[in-house]
Amino acid sequence: MFTMANSGYPNHTTLARDLHAYLRWRNANNRHPDVLAAQRRERARVRSDRHQRWGRRPETQAA
């Protein structure tokens, strides 16, 4: 719904064509699973360093 409502496409046919083209490209140029796993680990490490949990904003320090 977000993609459809906030797009600048004149109609659903044009949007569907471009979405399908993107999916074909993404599936043809997928990344190696080891690279994706390494990226997930790095993001988790950064969140851990910042003491940031999923779905919550970081707590601000009182002055």
Foldseek 3Di string as FASTA:
>chain_A
DCPVVPDPDPDPVVVVVVVVVVVVVCVVDDDDPVVVVVVVVVVVVVCVVQVHDPPDDRDDDDD
